[in-house]
């Protein structure tokens, strides 16, 4: 599904699609919000190390790093920043095959420093990228996306239009009352959005539980 596909559905669900020409900002915000609610999107990236260099950029759009490993070696152990400082401050550890890692200032830090080039695989969950051609979520996310964009439109573009027309401001209780009076759909889309995300999170948990059962039965 693309941004144009979402725009087409959104315009159909708003009477006449009046005033809706672009949803790029709303859609990007919704996709990031959904991907931030649970680990719906996962990926892997390979980092080529440099001898005696410990710090590396985290993968693009990375949310959480779940596992780091080097082919042919054990999975790297995650350690706290405090443990890393204990190991490195005042100690001149020789470069070797990295066996542990930590995260600091949005960097992946390997310990000990690699003594040569290694291909380090990083498994991670991610935020949906802001720039995209096709939406990364599957069809089961479509309704959540539609409701999220509609919610954002009512709370953003449409509320700004009403604010200008009323010459009012966001904190004005009269504006708030008129907004929900004129756009009762705003609350409906908000509720539908949250309900669908909750269902998607529940389904994700159920799938993970099923995978554990299958693994244990092997």
N, C-alpha and C. Protein backbone atom coordinates (compact mmCIF):
# COMPACT_ATOMS: atom_id res chain seq x y z
N UNK A 1 0.85 -1.19 0.00
CA UNK A 1 0.00 0.00 0.00
C UNK A 1 0.89 1.24 0.00
N UNK A 2 0.48 2.25 -0.74
CA UNK A 2 1.24 3.48 -0.86
C UNK A 2 0.49 4.64 -0.21
N UNK A 3 1.15 5.78 -0.16
CA UNK A 3 0.53 6.98 0.39
C UNK A 3 -0.70 7.37 -0.43
N UNK A 4 -0.63 7.23 -1.75
CA UNK A 4 -1.77 7.57 -2.61
C UNK A 4 -2.96 6.65 -2.33
N UNK A 5 -2.69 5.38 -2.03
CA UNK A 5 -3.78 4.45 -1.69
C UNK A 5 -4.48 4.91 -0.41
N UNK A 6 -3.70 5.32 0.58
CA UNK A 6 -4.29 5.78 1.84
C UNK A 6 -5.08 7.06 1.61
N UNK A 7 -4.53 7.98 0.84
CA UNK A 7 -5.22 9.25 0.54
C UNK A 7 -6.55 8.99 -0.13
N UNK A 8 -6.59 8.04 -1.04
CA UNK A 8 -7.84 7.72 -1.74
C UNK A 8 -8.90 7.23 -0.77
N UNK A 9 -8.54 6.34 0.15
CA UNK A 9 -9.49 5.82 1.12
C UNK A 9 -9.95 6.92 2.07
N UNK A 10 -9.00 7.73 2.53
CA UNK A 10 -9.32 8.81 3.47
C UNK A 10 -10.29 9.80 2.85
N UNK A 11 -10.07 10.16 1.59
CA UNK A 11 -10.97 11.11 0.93
C UNK A 11 -12.37 10.52 0.77
N UNK A 12 -12.43 9.22 0.54
CA UNK A 12 -13.74 8.57 0.42
C UNK A 12 -14.49 8.58 1.75
N UNK A 13 -13.74 8.53 2.86
CA UNK A 13 -14.38 8.46 4.17
C UNK A 13 -14.70 9.82 4.77
N UNK A 14 -14.16 10.86 4.16
CA UNK A 14 -14.53 12.22 4.54
C UNK A 14 -15.51 12.72 3.50
N UNK A 15 -16.61 13.28 3.94
CA UNK A 15 -17.66 13.71 3.01
C UNK A 15 -17.10 14.61 1.92
N UNK A 16 -17.05 14.08 0.72
CA UNK A 16 -16.57 14.85 -0.41
C UNK A 16 -15.06 14.98 -0.47
N UNK A 17 -14.38 14.51 0.59
CA UNK A 17 -12.92 14.66 0.64
C UNK A 17 -12.49 16.11 0.58
N UNK A 18 -13.35 17.00 1.09
CA UNK A 18 -13.13 18.44 0.96
C UNK A 18 -11.84 18.86 1.66
N UNK A 19 -11.00 19.56 0.92
CA UNK A 19 -9.81 20.18 1.51
C UNK A 19 -8.65 19.24 1.77
N UNK A 20 -8.78 17.97 1.45
CA UNK A 20 -7.69 17.03 1.71
C UNK A 20 -6.91 16.80 0.43
N UNK A 21 -5.73 17.41 0.36
CA UNK A 21 -4.90 17.29 -0.82
C UNK A 21 -3.62 16.50 -0.54
N UNK A 22 -3.20 16.52 0.72
CA UNK A 22 -1.94 15.88 1.07
C UNK A 22 -2.02 15.35 2.50
N UNK A 23 -1.55 14.10 2.70
CA UNK A 23 -1.57 13.51 4.04
C UNK A 23 -0.18 13.02 4.44
N UNK A 24 0.84 13.48 3.75
CA UNK A 24 2.19 12.95 3.99
C UNK A 24 2.62 13.09 5.44
N UNK A 25 2.39 14.26 6.02
CA UNK A 25 2.79 14.49 7.40
C UNK A 25 2.00 13.62 8.36
N UNK A 26 0.68 13.58 8.16
CA UNK A 26 -0.18 12.77 9.04
C UNK A 26 0.17 11.29 8.94
N UNK A 27 0.38 10.81 7.71
CA UNK A 27 0.67 9.40 7.51
C UNK A 27 2.01 9.03 8.13
N UNK A 28 3.02 9.85 7.93
CA UNK A 28 4.34 9.57 8.51
C UNK A 28 4.25 9.49 10.03
N UNK A 29 3.49 10.40 10.63
CA UNK A 29 3.32 10.39 12.09
C UNK A 29 2.62 9.14 12.58
N UNK A 30 1.59 8.71 11.85
CA UNK A 30 0.84 7.51 12.24
C UNK A 30 1.71 6.27 12.11
N UNK A 31 2.46 6.16 11.03
CA UNK A 31 3.30 4.98 10.82
C UNK A 31 4.38 4.89 11.90
N UNK A 32 4.95 6.03 12.28
CA UNK A 32 5.95 6.02 13.35
C UNK A 32 5.31 5.66 14.68
N UNK A 33 4.12 6.19 14.93
CA UNK A 33 3.43 5.89 16.18
C UNK A 33 3.12 4.41 16.30
N UNK A 34 2.56 3.82 15.25
CA UNK A 34 2.23 2.40 15.28
C UNK A 34 3.48 1.56 15.50
N UNK A 35 4.55 1.87 14.79
CA UNK A 35 5.77 1.07 14.92
C UNK A 35 6.42 1.25 16.29
N UNK A 36 6.08 2.36 16.97
CA UNK A 36 6.61 2.57 18.30
C UNK A 36 5.84 1.87 19.40
N UNK A 37 4.63 1.40 19.09
CA UNK A 37 3.78 0.76 20.11
C UNK A 37 4.23 -0.65 20.47
N UNK A 38 4.82 -1.36 19.51
CA UNK A 38 5.28 -2.74 19.72
C UNK A 38 6.31 -3.04 18.63
N UNK A 39 6.94 -4.19 18.74
CA UNK A 39 7.97 -4.56 17.76
C UNK A 39 7.34 -5.20 16.52
N UNK A 40 6.54 -4.40 15.82
CA UNK A 40 5.88 -4.88 14.61
C UNK A 40 6.86 -5.03 13.44
N UNK A 41 7.85 -4.16 13.41
CA UNK A 41 8.81 -4.16 12.31
C UNK A 41 10.19 -4.57 12.83
N UNK A 42 10.77 -5.60 12.24
CA UNK A 42 12.10 -6.04 12.62
C UNK A 42 12.98 -6.15 11.38
N UNK A 43 14.28 -6.07 11.59
CA UNK A 43 15.20 -6.09 10.47
C UNK A 43 16.56 -6.55 10.97
N UNK A 44 17.48 -6.71 10.06
CA UNK A 44 18.87 -7.06 10.39
C UNK A 44 19.80 -6.24 9.53
N UNK A 45 20.90 -5.83 10.10
CA UNK A 45 21.90 -5.06 9.37
C UNK A 45 23.27 -5.64 9.67
N UNK A 46 24.16 -5.55 8.70
CA UNK A 46 25.53 -6.05 8.87
C UNK A 46 26.48 -4.87 8.94
N UNK A 47 27.26 -4.85 10.00
CA UNK A 47 28.27 -3.80 10.18
C UNK A 47 29.65 -4.41 9.96
N UNK A 48 30.41 -3.81 9.09
CA UNK A 48 31.79 -4.25 8.88
C UNK A 48 32.69 -3.47 9.83
N UNK A 49 33.34 -4.17 10.74
CA UNK A 49 34.16 -3.50 11.73
C UNK A 49 35.48 -2.99 11.12
N UNK A 50 36.09 -2.11 11.86
CA UNK A 50 37.41 -1.58 11.53
C UNK A 50 38.34 -1.94 12.68
N UNK A 51 39.51 -2.40 12.39
CA UNK A 51 40.45 -2.79 13.44
C UNK A 51 40.68 -1.64 14.42
N UNK A 52 40.54 -1.98 15.72
CA UNK A 52 40.77 -1.05 16.83
C UNK A 52 39.78 0.11 16.86
N UNK A 53 38.61 -0.09 16.28
CA UNK A 53 37.52 0.89 16.39
C UNK A 53 36.36 0.25 17.12
N UNK A 54 35.94 0.85 18.24
CA UNK A 54 34.91 0.25 19.09
C UNK A 54 33.50 0.75 18.76
N UNK A 55 33.36 2.00 18.33
CA UNK A 55 32.03 2.61 18.17
C UNK A 55 31.55 2.56 16.73
N UNK A 56 30.23 2.25 16.58
CA UNK A 56 29.61 2.18 15.25
C UNK A 56 28.20 2.75 15.34
N UNK A 57 27.74 3.32 14.23
CA UNK A 57 26.37 3.84 14.19
C UNK A 57 25.36 2.71 14.29
N UNK A 58 24.28 2.99 15.00
CA UNK A 58 23.19 2.02 15.02
C UNK A 58 22.51 2.02 13.66
N UNK A 59 21.81 0.91 13.32
CA UNK A 59 21.11 0.87 12.03
C UNK A 59 20.08 1.98 11.89
N UNK A 60 19.82 2.39 10.68
CA UNK A 60 18.83 3.44 10.41
C UNK A 60 17.45 3.04 10.93
N UNK A 61 16.76 3.97 11.58
CA UNK A 61 15.40 3.78 12.13
C UNK A 61 15.37 2.73 13.25
N UNK A 62 16.52 2.41 13.82
CA UNK A 62 16.58 1.40 14.88
C UNK A 62 15.83 1.88 16.12
N UNK A 63 15.03 0.98 16.68
CA UNK A 63 14.32 1.26 17.92
C UNK A 63 14.97 0.51 19.09
N UNK A 64 15.04 -0.82 18.97
CA UNK A 64 15.70 -1.65 19.99
C UNK A 64 16.60 -2.66 19.29
N UNK A 65 17.79 -2.84 19.83
CA UNK A 65 18.67 -3.91 19.34
C UNK A 65 18.38 -5.16 20.16
N UNK A 66 18.04 -6.24 19.48
CA UNK A 66 17.66 -7.47 20.17
C UNK A 66 18.80 -8.47 20.26
N UNK A 67 19.69 -8.48 19.25
CA UNK A 67 20.79 -9.44 19.27
C UNK A 67 21.91 -8.95 18.36
N UNK A 68 23.15 -9.24 18.78
CA UNK A 68 24.32 -8.90 17.99
C UNK A 68 25.21 -10.14 17.94
N UNK A 69 25.64 -10.51 16.75
CA UNK A 69 26.47 -11.71 16.66
C UNK A 69 27.42 -11.63 15.47
N UNK A 70 28.47 -12.44 15.57
CA UNK A 70 29.46 -12.58 14.50
C UNK A 70 29.39 -14.02 14.02
N UNK A 71 29.27 -14.22 12.73
CA UNK A 71 29.22 -15.59 12.20
C UNK A 71 30.42 -16.40 12.67
N UNK A 72 30.12 -17.60 13.16
CA UNK A 72 31.20 -18.48 13.63
C UNK A 72 31.61 -18.21 15.06
N UNK A 73 31.03 -17.18 15.69
CA UNK A 73 31.33 -16.85 17.08
C UNK A 73 30.04 -16.89 17.89
N UNK A 74 30.18 -16.83 19.20
CA UNK A 74 29.01 -16.81 20.06
C UNK A 74 28.29 -15.46 19.94
N UNK A 75 27.01 -15.45 20.31
CA UNK A 75 26.25 -14.20 20.34
C UNK A 75 26.90 -13.26 21.35
N UNK A 76 27.05 -11.99 20.96
CA UNK A 76 27.68 -11.02 21.87
C UNK A 76 26.78 -10.75 23.07
N UNK A 77 27.38 -10.68 24.23
CA UNK A 77 26.64 -10.42 25.46
C UNK A 77 26.39 -8.92 25.60
N UNK A 78 25.16 -8.56 25.93
CA UNK A 78 24.85 -7.15 26.18
C UNK A 78 25.30 -6.78 27.59
N UNK A 79 25.93 -5.65 27.73
CA UNK A 79 26.35 -5.21 29.07
C UNK A 79 25.94 -3.75 29.27
N UNK A 80 25.87 -3.33 30.53
CA UNK A 80 25.50 -1.96 30.85
C UNK A 80 26.66 -1.03 30.57
N UNK A 81 26.35 0.27 30.49
CA UNK A 81 27.42 1.25 30.31
C UNK A 81 28.38 1.23 31.49
N UNK A 82 27.84 1.04 32.70
CA UNK A 82 28.68 1.00 33.89
C UNK A 82 29.68 -0.14 33.80
N UNK A 83 29.23 -1.31 33.34
CA UNK A 83 30.13 -2.45 33.20
C UNK A 83 31.19 -2.16 32.15
N UNK A 84 30.79 -1.50 31.07
CA UNK A 84 31.74 -1.16 30.01
C UNK A 84 32.84 -0.24 30.55
N UNK A 85 32.44 0.78 31.33
CA UNK A 85 33.43 1.69 31.89
C UNK A 85 34.36 0.97 32.87
N UNK A 86 33.79 0.02 33.63
CA UNK A 86 34.61 -0.74 34.56
C UNK A 86 35.69 -1.53 33.80
N UNK A 87 35.32 -2.06 32.65
CA UNK A 87 36.26 -2.87 31.87
C UNK A 87 37.31 -2.03 31.14
N UNK A 88 36.96 -0.78 30.82
CA UNK A 88 37.84 -0.02 29.91
C UNK A 88 38.60 1.12 30.57
N UNK A 89 38.02 1.76 31.56
CA UNK A 89 38.69 2.91 32.17
C UNK A 89 39.94 2.47 32.91
N UNK A 90 41.06 3.02 32.49
CA UNK A 90 42.33 2.71 33.15
C UNK A 90 42.88 1.34 32.80
N UNK A 91 42.24 0.67 31.82
CA UNK A 91 42.70 -0.66 31.44
C UNK A 91 42.96 -0.70 29.94
N UNK A 92 44.10 -1.18 29.56
CA UNK A 92 44.45 -1.25 28.14
C UNK A 92 44.25 -2.67 27.64
N UNK A 93 42.95 -3.00 27.31
CA UNK A 93 42.65 -4.33 26.82
C UNK A 93 43.14 -4.48 25.38
N UNK A 94 43.78 -5.57 25.06
CA UNK A 94 44.22 -5.77 23.67
C UNK A 94 43.03 -6.02 22.75
N UNK A 95 43.14 -5.56 21.50
CA UNK A 95 42.08 -5.81 20.51
C UNK A 95 41.95 -7.31 20.29
N UNK A 96 40.68 -7.73 20.06
CA UNK A 96 40.42 -9.16 19.89
C UNK A 96 39.05 -9.33 19.23
N UNK A 97 38.57 -10.55 19.19
CA UNK A 97 37.22 -10.78 18.68
C UNK A 97 36.21 -10.21 19.67
N UNK A 98 35.34 -9.29 19.28
CA UNK A 98 34.36 -8.71 20.21
C UNK A 98 33.47 -9.81 20.82
N UNK A 99 33.22 -9.71 22.11
CA UNK A 99 32.38 -10.70 22.79
C UNK A 99 31.22 -10.04 23.53
N UNK A 100 31.26 -8.72 23.68
CA UNK A 100 30.20 -7.99 24.37
C UNK A 100 29.91 -6.68 23.63
N UNK A 101 28.76 -6.09 23.96
CA UNK A 101 28.43 -4.79 23.38
C UNK A 101 27.60 -3.99 24.36
N UNK A 102 27.60 -2.69 24.17
CA UNK A 102 26.72 -1.81 24.92
C UNK A 102 26.26 -0.70 23.99
N UNK A 103 25.34 0.13 24.46
CA UNK A 103 24.79 1.23 23.67
C UNK A 103 25.01 2.53 24.43
N UNK A 104 25.51 3.54 23.71
CA UNK A 104 25.75 4.83 24.35
C UNK A 104 25.72 5.93 23.30
N UNK A 105 24.95 7.00 23.60
CA UNK A 105 24.84 8.13 22.69
C UNK A 105 24.48 7.68 21.27
N UNK A 106 23.52 6.78 21.21
CA UNK A 106 23.02 6.26 19.92
C UNK A 106 24.08 5.52 19.12
N UNK A 107 25.10 5.03 19.80
CA UNK A 107 26.17 4.26 19.16
C UNK A 107 26.18 2.83 19.70
N UNK A 108 26.58 1.91 18.85
CA UNK A 108 26.83 0.53 19.25
C UNK A 108 28.32 0.43 19.56
N UNK A 109 28.64 0.00 20.78
CA UNK A 109 30.04 -0.07 21.21
C UNK A 109 30.41 -1.53 21.45
N UNK A 110 31.44 -1.98 20.77
CA UNK A 110 31.90 -3.37 20.89
C UNK A 110 33.07 -3.46 21.87
N UNK A 111 33.10 -4.58 22.59
CA UNK A 111 34.21 -4.84 23.52
C UNK A 111 34.61 -6.31 23.41
N UNK A 112 35.91 -6.60 23.38
CA UNK A 112 36.98 -5.62 23.18
C UNK A 112 36.96 -5.05 21.77
N UNK A 113 37.77 -4.03 21.55
CA UNK A 113 37.87 -3.48 20.20
C UNK A 113 38.26 -4.60 19.23
N UNK A 114 37.63 -4.63 18.05
CA UNK A 114 37.99 -5.69 17.09
C UNK A 114 39.44 -5.57 16.64
N UNK A 115 40.06 -6.72 16.47
CA UNK A 115 41.46 -6.72 16.04
C UNK A 115 41.60 -6.80 14.53
N UNK A 116 40.46 -7.00 13.84
CA UNK A 116 40.48 -7.05 12.38
C UNK A 116 39.06 -6.79 11.88
N UNK A 117 38.83 -7.02 10.61
CA UNK A 117 37.49 -6.81 10.04
C UNK A 117 36.60 -8.01 10.34
N UNK A 118 35.44 -7.72 10.93
CA UNK A 118 34.43 -8.76 11.18
C UNK A 118 33.10 -8.26 10.62
N UNK A 119 32.28 -9.20 10.17
CA UNK A 119 30.92 -8.87 9.76
C UNK A 119 30.01 -9.11 10.96
N UNK A 120 29.57 -8.02 11.57
CA UNK A 120 28.74 -8.10 12.77
C UNK A 120 27.28 -7.91 12.36
N UNK A 121 26.45 -8.89 12.65
CA UNK A 121 25.02 -8.81 12.32
C UNK A 121 24.25 -8.26 13.52
N UNK A 122 23.43 -7.27 13.26
CA UNK A 122 22.62 -6.64 14.31
C UNK A 122 21.15 -6.90 14.00
N UNK A 123 20.47 -7.64 14.87
CA UNK A 123 19.02 -7.84 14.75
C UNK A 123 18.34 -6.75 15.57
N UNK A 124 17.34 -6.11 14.99
CA UNK A 124 16.72 -4.99 15.71
C UNK A 124 15.27 -4.79 15.30
N UNK A 125 14.53 -4.16 16.19
CA UNK A 125 13.19 -3.69 15.84
C UNK A 125 13.34 -2.25 15.40
N UNK A 126 12.41 -1.79 14.56
CA UNK A 126 12.62 -0.48 13.94
C UNK A 126 11.34 0.35 13.89
N UNK A 127 11.55 1.66 13.79
CA UNK A 127 10.45 2.57 13.48
C UNK A 127 10.22 2.56 11.97
N UNK A 128 9.00 2.80 11.58
CA UNK A 128 8.73 2.91 10.15
C UNK A 128 9.47 4.12 9.61
N UNK A 129 10.18 3.98 8.49
CA UNK A 129 10.91 5.14 7.94
C UNK A 129 9.97 6.26 7.53
N UNK A 130 10.44 7.50 7.65
CA UNK A 130 9.62 8.65 7.27
C UNK A 130 9.51 8.79 5.76
N UNK A 131 10.53 8.34 5.05
CA UNK A 131 10.53 8.40 3.58
C UNK A 131 10.39 6.96 3.05
N UNK A 132 9.41 6.74 2.22
CA UNK A 132 9.15 5.39 1.74
C UNK A 132 8.36 5.44 0.43
N UNK A 133 8.36 4.34 -0.27
CA UNK A 133 7.51 4.17 -1.46
C UNK A 133 6.30 3.33 -1.09
N UNK A 134 6.55 2.15 -0.55
CA UNK A 134 5.48 1.27 -0.08
C UNK A 134 5.50 1.21 1.44
N UNK A 135 4.33 1.23 2.05
CA UNK A 135 4.21 1.10 3.50
C UNK A 135 4.65 -0.31 3.90
N UNK A 136 5.46 -0.40 4.95
CA UNK A 136 6.04 -1.68 5.34
C UNK A 136 5.07 -2.59 6.07
N UNK A 137 4.00 -2.05 6.63
CA UNK A 137 3.05 -2.87 7.36
C UNK A 137 2.18 -3.69 6.40
N UNK A 138 1.76 -4.86 6.87
CA UNK A 138 0.90 -5.72 6.07
C UNK A 138 -0.54 -5.24 6.06
N UNK A 139 -1.38 -5.95 5.31
CA UNK A 139 -2.77 -5.55 5.12
C UNK A 139 -3.55 -5.48 6.44
N UNK A 140 -3.14 -6.27 7.43
CA UNK A 140 -3.88 -6.28 8.69
C UNK A 140 -3.77 -4.94 9.44
N UNK A 141 -2.84 -4.09 9.00
CA UNK A 141 -2.68 -2.77 9.62
C UNK A 141 -3.48 -1.68 8.91
N UNK A 142 -4.09 -2.00 7.79
CA UNK A 142 -4.72 -0.96 6.96
C UNK A 142 -5.75 -0.12 7.72
N UNK A 143 -6.66 -0.77 8.44
CA UNK A 143 -7.71 -0.02 9.12
C UNK A 143 -7.14 0.88 10.21
N UNK A 144 -6.14 0.39 10.92
CA UNK A 144 -5.49 1.23 11.94
C UNK A 144 -4.87 2.46 11.27
N UNK A 145 -4.25 2.26 10.13
CA UNK A 145 -3.62 3.38 9.42
C UNK A 145 -4.67 4.39 8.96
N UNK A 146 -5.77 3.89 8.38
CA UNK A 146 -6.83 4.80 7.91
C UNK A 146 -7.37 5.64 9.07
N UNK A 147 -7.72 4.96 10.17
CA UNK A 147 -8.28 5.69 11.31
C UNK A 147 -7.26 6.64 11.91
N UNK A 148 -6.00 6.23 11.94
CA UNK A 148 -4.97 7.11 12.48
C UNK A 148 -4.80 8.37 11.66
N UNK A 149 -4.80 8.23 10.35
CA UNK A 149 -4.66 9.41 9.48
C UNK A 149 -5.90 10.31 9.60
N UNK A 150 -7.08 9.71 9.64
CA UNK A 150 -8.30 10.51 9.79
C UNK A 150 -8.29 11.25 11.13
N UNK A 151 -7.90 10.57 12.17
CA UNK A 151 -7.78 11.21 13.50
C UNK A 151 -6.81 12.40 13.42
N UNK A 152 -5.67 12.19 12.78
CA UNK A 152 -4.66 13.25 12.68
C UNK A 152 -5.16 14.42 11.84
N UNK A 153 -5.93 14.12 10.80
CA UNK A 153 -6.48 15.19 9.95
C UNK A 153 -7.45 16.06 10.75
N UNK A 154 -8.34 15.41 11.48
CA UNK A 154 -9.32 16.18 12.27
C UNK A 154 -8.63 17.01 13.34
N UNK A 155 -7.63 16.42 13.99
CA UNK A 155 -6.95 17.13 15.07
C UNK A 155 -5.93 18.13 14.56
N UNK A 156 -5.55 18.01 13.28
CA UNK A 156 -4.54 18.90 12.71
C UNK A 156 -5.12 19.89 11.73
N UNK A 157 -5.22 19.47 10.47
CA UNK A 157 -5.66 20.39 9.41
C UNK A 157 -7.04 20.99 9.68
N UNK A 158 -8.00 20.14 10.06
CA UNK A 158 -9.37 20.62 10.23
C UNK A 158 -9.50 21.52 11.45
N UNK A 159 -8.77 21.19 12.52
CA UNK A 159 -8.84 22.04 13.71
C UNK A 159 -8.19 23.39 13.45
N UNK A 160 -7.11 23.40 12.68
CA UNK A 160 -6.47 24.68 12.33
C UNK A 160 -7.41 25.56 11.51
N UNK A 161 -8.14 24.92 10.59
CA UNK A 161 -9.09 25.67 9.78
C UNK A 161 -10.18 26.30 10.66
N UNK A 162 -10.67 25.53 11.63
CA UNK A 162 -11.71 26.04 12.52
C UNK A 162 -11.14 27.15 13.41
N UNK A 163 -9.91 26.96 13.86
CA UNK A 163 -9.27 27.96 14.72
C UNK A 163 -9.14 29.30 13.99
N UNK A 164 -8.75 29.24 12.72
CA UNK A 164 -8.63 30.46 11.94
C UNK A 164 -9.99 31.11 11.71
N UNK A 165 -10.98 30.26 11.43
CA UNK A 165 -12.33 30.78 11.17
C UNK A 165 -12.90 31.44 12.42
N UNK A 166 -12.60 30.87 13.59
CA UNK A 166 -13.14 31.40 14.85
C UNK A 166 -12.22 32.45 15.47
N UNK A 167 -11.03 32.63 14.85
CA UNK A 167 -10.03 33.54 15.40
C UNK A 167 -9.78 33.22 16.87
N UNK A 168 -9.54 31.94 17.12
CA UNK A 168 -9.36 31.47 18.49
C UNK A 168 -8.00 30.78 18.61
N UNK A 169 -7.79 30.09 19.74
CA UNK A 169 -6.52 29.42 19.97
C UNK A 169 -6.78 28.07 20.65
N UNK A 170 -5.75 27.22 20.68
CA UNK A 170 -5.94 25.83 21.13
C UNK A 170 -6.48 25.70 22.54
N UNK A 171 -6.09 26.60 23.43
CA UNK A 171 -6.51 26.46 24.82
C UNK A 171 -7.92 26.97 25.10
N UNK A 172 -8.57 27.50 24.11
CA UNK A 172 -9.91 28.06 24.27
C UNK A 172 -10.92 26.92 24.40
N UNK A 173 -11.62 26.84 25.52
CA UNK A 173 -12.60 25.78 25.74
C UNK A 173 -13.76 25.87 24.75
N UNK A 174 -14.08 27.09 24.33
CA UNK A 174 -15.15 27.26 23.34
C UNK A 174 -14.76 26.62 22.02
N UNK A 175 -13.49 26.80 21.64
CA UNK A 175 -12.99 26.18 20.40
C UNK A 175 -13.07 24.67 20.52
N UNK A 176 -12.67 24.12 21.67
CA UNK A 176 -12.71 22.68 21.88
C UNK A 176 -14.14 22.16 21.74
N UNK A 177 -15.08 22.87 22.34
CA UNK A 177 -16.48 22.46 22.26
C UNK A 177 -16.97 22.50 20.81
N UNK A 178 -16.66 23.59 20.10
CA UNK A 178 -17.11 23.73 18.71
C UNK A 178 -16.44 22.68 17.81
N UNK A 179 -15.17 22.36 18.14
CA UNK A 179 -14.46 21.37 17.33
C UNK A 179 -15.17 20.02 17.38
N UNK A 180 -15.45 19.53 18.58
CA UNK A 180 -16.11 18.22 18.70
C UNK A 180 -17.58 18.28 18.27
N UNK A 181 -18.16 19.46 18.33
CA UNK A 181 -19.53 19.62 17.85
C UNK A 181 -19.55 19.54 16.33
N UNK A 182 -18.58 20.18 15.69
CA UNK A 182 -18.53 20.21 14.24
C UNK A 182 -17.93 18.93 13.66
N UNK A 183 -16.99 18.32 14.43
CA UNK A 183 -16.31 17.12 13.95
C UNK A 183 -16.43 15.98 14.97
N UNK A 184 -17.63 15.45 15.19
CA UNK A 184 -17.77 14.35 16.15
C UNK A 184 -17.02 13.10 15.71
N UNK A 185 -16.67 13.03 14.41
CA UNK A 185 -15.93 11.87 13.89
C UNK A 185 -14.54 11.77 14.51
N UNK A 186 -14.02 12.90 15.00
CA UNK A 186 -12.66 12.90 15.56
C UNK A 186 -12.53 11.89 16.69
N UNK A 187 -13.48 11.90 17.62
CA UNK A 187 -13.43 10.96 18.74
C UNK A 187 -13.64 9.52 18.27
N UNK A 188 -14.50 9.34 17.27
CA UNK A 188 -14.77 8.01 16.75
C UNK A 188 -13.51 7.40 16.14
N UNK A 189 -12.78 8.20 15.36
CA UNK A 189 -11.56 7.70 14.72
C UNK A 189 -10.46 7.46 15.75
N UNK A 190 -10.42 8.30 16.77
CA UNK A 190 -9.43 8.10 17.84
C UNK A 190 -9.67 6.78 18.55
N UNK A 191 -10.94 6.52 18.87
CA UNK A 191 -11.28 5.28 19.57
C UNK A 191 -11.00 4.07 18.68
N UNK A 192 -11.37 4.15 17.41
CA UNK A 192 -11.16 3.04 16.47
C UNK A 192 -9.67 2.78 16.28
N UNK A 193 -8.89 3.83 16.21
CA UNK A 193 -7.44 3.72 16.04
C UNK A 193 -6.82 2.96 17.21
N UNK A 194 -7.17 3.38 18.42
CA UNK A 194 -6.60 2.73 19.61
C UNK A 194 -7.07 1.28 19.73
N UNK A 195 -8.31 1.02 19.39
CA UNK A 195 -8.83 -0.35 19.47
C UNK A 195 -8.10 -1.28 18.51
N UNK A 196 -7.85 -0.79 17.31
CA UNK A 196 -7.18 -1.63 16.31
C UNK A 196 -5.71 -1.86 16.65
N UNK A 197 -5.06 -0.85 17.22
CA UNK A 197 -3.68 -1.05 17.65
C UNK A 197 -3.62 -2.07 18.78
N UNK A 198 -4.54 -1.95 19.72
CA UNK A 198 -4.58 -2.91 20.84
C UNK A 198 -4.76 -4.34 20.31
N UNK A 199 -5.61 -4.49 19.31
CA UNK A 199 -5.83 -5.82 18.73
C UNK A 199 -4.57 -6.33 18.03
N UNK A 200 -3.89 -5.45 17.32
CA UNK A 200 -2.65 -5.84 16.63
C UNK A 200 -1.57 -6.24 17.64
N UNK A 201 -1.49 -5.52 18.74
CA UNK A 201 -0.52 -5.87 19.79
C UNK A 201 -0.87 -7.22 20.39
N UNK A 202 -2.17 -7.44 20.61
CA UNK A 202 -2.61 -8.73 21.14
C UNK A 202 -2.30 -9.88 20.20
N UNK A 203 -2.51 -9.66 18.92
CA UNK A 203 -2.21 -10.70 17.92
C UNK A 203 -0.71 -10.97 17.86
N UNK A 204 0.10 -9.91 18.00
CA UNK A 204 1.55 -10.08 17.99
C UNK A 204 1.99 -10.94 19.17
N UNK A 205 1.43 -10.66 20.35
CA UNK A 205 1.76 -11.46 21.52
C UNK A 205 1.34 -12.90 21.37
N UNK A 206 0.16 -13.12 20.77
CA UNK A 206 -0.34 -14.48 20.57
C UNK A 206 0.57 -15.24 19.62
N UNK A 207 1.02 -14.57 18.56
CA UNK A 207 1.91 -15.22 17.59
C UNK A 207 3.25 -15.57 18.22
N UNK A 208 3.76 -14.69 19.09
CA UNK A 208 5.02 -14.96 19.76
C UNK A 208 4.89 -16.15 20.71
N UNK A 209 3.76 -16.22 21.42
CA UNK A 209 3.52 -17.35 22.32
C UNK A 209 3.44 -18.65 21.55
N UNK A 210 2.77 -18.61 20.40
CA UNK A 210 2.64 -19.81 19.57
C UNK A 210 4.00 -20.26 19.07
N UNK A 211 4.85 -19.30 18.70
CA UNK A 211 6.19 -19.65 18.21
C UNK A 211 7.00 -20.31 19.30
N UNK A 212 6.86 -19.86 20.54
CA UNK A 212 7.58 -20.47 21.66
C UNK A 212 7.11 -21.90 21.89
N UNK A 213 5.80 -22.11 21.80
CA UNK A 213 5.25 -23.45 21.99
C UNK A 213 5.79 -24.38 20.91
N UNK A 214 5.77 -23.94 19.65
CA UNK A 214 6.28 -24.77 18.56
C UNK A 214 7.75 -25.10 18.77
N UNK A 215 8.53 -24.08 19.17
CA UNK A 215 9.95 -24.28 19.39
C UNK A 215 10.19 -25.30 20.50
N UNK A 216 9.44 -25.18 21.57
CA UNK A 216 9.62 -26.09 22.71
C UNK A 216 9.22 -27.52 22.36
N UNK A 217 8.29 -27.66 21.41
CA UNK A 217 7.81 -28.99 21.03
C UNK A 217 8.74 -29.70 20.06
N UNK A 218 9.69 -28.96 19.48
CA UNK A 218 10.56 -29.59 18.49
C UNK A 218 11.49 -30.62 19.15
